[in-house]
Protein backbone atom coordinates (compact mmCIF):
# COMPACT_ATOMS: atom_id res chain seq x y z
CA MET A 1 86.14 146.87 -222.16
CA THR A 2 82.39 146.81 -222.55
CA ARG A 3 80.11 146.92 -219.58
CA ILE A 4 79.05 143.27 -220.02
CA THR A 5 82.66 142.10 -220.39
CA ARG A 6 83.60 143.99 -217.23
CA ARG A 7 80.73 142.39 -215.30
CA LEU A 8 81.71 138.93 -216.53
CA ALA A 9 85.30 139.58 -215.43
CA VAL A 10 84.13 140.65 -211.97
CA VAL A 11 81.87 137.58 -211.63
CA ALA A 12 84.67 135.26 -212.79
CA ALA A 13 87.10 136.80 -210.29
CA ALA A 14 84.54 136.51 -207.50
CA LEU A 15 84.00 132.84 -208.28
CA ALA A 16 87.72 132.08 -208.55
CA ALA A 17 88.76 133.74 -205.28
CA PRO A 18 87.22 131.12 -202.92
CA ALA A 19 88.87 128.34 -204.94
CA LEU A 20 92.27 129.99 -204.51
CA VAL A 21 91.70 130.30 -200.78
CA LEU A 22 90.74 126.61 -200.56
CA VAL A 23 93.82 125.50 -202.46
CA ALA A 24 96.06 127.73 -200.36
CA GLY A 25 94.53 126.33 -197.16
CA GLN A 26 95.29 122.72 -198.11
CA GLN A 27 99.00 122.75 -197.42
CA PRO A 28 100.81 119.42 -197.51
CA PRO A 29 101.57 117.94 -194.10
CA SER A 30 105.00 118.73 -192.72
CA GLY A 31 105.71 115.66 -190.59
CA ALA A 32 108.00 112.79 -191.49
CA PRO A 33 106.35 109.51 -192.57
CA VAL A 34 105.41 107.29 -189.63
CA TYR A 35 104.44 103.98 -191.29
CA THR A 36 105.52 101.68 -194.11
CA LEU A 37 103.59 100.58 -197.21
CA ALA A 38 103.83 96.96 -196.07
CA GLN A 39 102.34 97.92 -192.72
CA ALA A 40 99.44 99.74 -194.40
CA ALA A 41 98.81 96.69 -196.62
CA SER A 42 98.63 94.35 -193.63
CA GLY A 43 96.53 96.97 -191.82
CA ARG A 44 94.08 97.00 -194.72
CA ALA A 45 93.59 93.24 -194.36
CA ALA A 46 93.13 93.56 -190.58
CA TYR A 47 90.71 96.46 -191.10
CA GLN A 48 88.62 94.52 -193.60
CA ALA A 49 88.46 91.52 -191.25
CA ASN A 50 87.77 93.40 -188.00
CA CYS A 51 86.52 96.95 -188.65
CA ALA A 52 84.75 97.17 -192.01
CA SER A 53 81.53 95.58 -190.75
CA CYS A 54 80.87 98.77 -188.75
CA HIS A 55 83.05 101.48 -190.34
CA VAL A 56 82.39 100.11 -193.89
CA ALA A 57 85.00 99.04 -196.41
CA ASP A 58 85.78 102.58 -197.61
CA LEU A 59 86.23 103.89 -194.02
CA GLY A 60 83.16 106.09 -194.54
CA GLY A 61 81.48 105.14 -191.27
CA ARG A 62 77.87 104.22 -190.63
CA ASN A 63 75.42 104.93 -187.83
CA GLU A 64 77.43 105.14 -184.57
CA ALA A 65 80.69 104.05 -186.25
CA PRO A 66 82.48 107.28 -187.25
CA GLN A 67 84.22 108.03 -190.51
CA LEU A 68 87.90 107.05 -190.46
CA ALA A 69 89.01 108.88 -193.60
CA GLY A 70 88.18 112.38 -194.76
CA GLY A 71 87.04 115.63 -193.25
CA ASP A 72 85.09 114.33 -190.27
CA PHE A 73 88.00 112.13 -189.21
CA MET A 74 90.45 115.00 -189.52
CA ASN A 75 88.17 117.38 -187.62
CA THR A 76 88.20 114.93 -184.72
CA TRP A 77 91.81 113.70 -184.87
CA ARG A 78 93.88 116.49 -186.54
CA SER A 79 95.35 117.81 -183.28
CA ARG A 80 95.47 114.45 -181.54
CA SER A 81 98.43 112.11 -181.87
CA THR A 82 98.96 108.83 -183.66
CA LYS A 83 99.56 107.30 -180.21
CA ASP A 84 96.16 108.63 -179.06
CA LEU A 85 94.53 106.87 -182.02
CA PHE A 86 96.44 103.65 -181.37
CA ASP A 87 95.58 103.73 -177.64
CA TYR A 88 91.91 104.50 -178.30
CA MET A 89 91.56 101.71 -180.84
CA SER A 90 93.44 99.13 -178.80
CA SER A 91 91.38 99.84 -175.68
CA THR A 92 87.92 100.02 -177.28
CA MET A 93 87.90 98.20 -180.63
CA PRO A 94 86.32 96.06 -181.79
CA PRO A 95 83.40 96.62 -179.42
CA GLY A 96 82.27 93.38 -177.85
CA GLY A 97 84.93 91.43 -179.70
CA PRO A 98 88.33 90.07 -178.80
CA SER A 99 91.29 92.42 -178.78
CA LEU A 100 93.67 92.29 -181.70
CA THR A 101 97.45 92.04 -181.55
CA PRO A 102 99.51 95.22 -181.16
CA ASP A 103 100.84 94.63 -184.71
CA ASP A 104 97.27 94.47 -186.04
CA TYR A 105 96.37 97.75 -184.33
CA ALA A 106 99.57 99.37 -185.62
CA GLY A 107 98.76 98.17 -189.14
CA ILE A 108 95.22 99.52 -188.93
CA VAL A 109 96.54 102.91 -187.78
CA ALA A 110 98.95 102.84 -190.75
CA TYR A 111 96.07 102.02 -193.13
CA ILE A 112 93.92 104.82 -191.70
CA LEU A 113 96.80 107.29 -192.10
CA GLN A 114 97.35 106.11 -195.68
CA GLN A 115 93.66 106.60 -196.46
CA ASN A 116 94.00 110.17 -195.19
CA SER A 117 96.93 110.83 -197.58
CA ALA A 118 99.75 110.47 -195.08
CA ALA A 119 102.93 109.46 -196.90
CA ALA A 120 104.57 106.10 -196.23
CA GLY A 121 108.23 105.86 -195.36
CA ALA A 122 110.89 103.45 -194.16
CA THR A 123 110.07 103.58 -190.44
CA PRO A 124 107.23 101.35 -189.23
CA PHE A 125 104.53 102.72 -186.96
CA SER A 126 104.56 101.46 -183.39
CA GLY A 127 102.17 102.02 -180.52
CA THR A 128 104.63 104.51 -179.04
CA THR A 129 104.92 106.65 -182.19
CA SER A 130 103.39 109.98 -181.24
CA VAL A 131 102.96 112.75 -183.80
CA ALA A 132 99.98 115.03 -184.37
CA ILE A 133 97.86 113.43 -187.08
CA GLY A 134 97.42 116.80 -188.79
CA THR A 135 101.19 117.02 -189.34
CA VAL A 136 101.27 113.81 -191.40
CA ALA A 137 97.79 113.56 -192.97
CA THR A 138 95.53 115.87 -194.98
CA GLY A 139 92.23 114.01 -194.85
CA GLN A 140 92.18 113.84 -198.64
CA ARG A 141 91.43 110.34 -199.88
CA PRO A 142 94.12 108.91 -202.18
CA PRO A 143 93.02 108.16 -205.75
CA ALA A 144 91.43 104.76 -206.13
CA ALA A 145 93.76 102.13 -207.51
CA ALA A 146 92.93 100.74 -210.94
CA PRO A 147 91.47 97.22 -210.78
CA ILE A 148 94.02 94.50 -211.43
CA GLY A 149 94.28 93.67 -215.11
CA ARG A 150 92.92 97.03 -216.30
CA ALA A 151 94.92 99.63 -218.17
CA HIS A 152 95.74 102.88 -216.37
């Protein structure tokens, strides 16, 4: 091996090592699914109608309205429970507006979990469902769906 080849190999290894650590640190969640696809779909509609004006359509947050999908959300909610999120939302959101129905809040929680890559299952989420969010969600955004009528 020439000296330049050896240096390139060392540089390549040094650059690859952090990527391996990142991949190893992003383990899939271990918890059982806590919401249904239908619930997340109805939650998306409720979110768009009641939450998106502050938290924006992509759950990215704006100004005082925090991000609801991704790293910042997971940093805040990873060790807290789905019941904590449901209780917080149902007691404080939307600010200055009328309260929503328990089913609407449950659907919005399901949609938020879905947008943080939590898997859907057969059991619907309820306001009493209590699992640590970090055991069911990764904070990774799911791939965007292809627009209707477009090839995949």
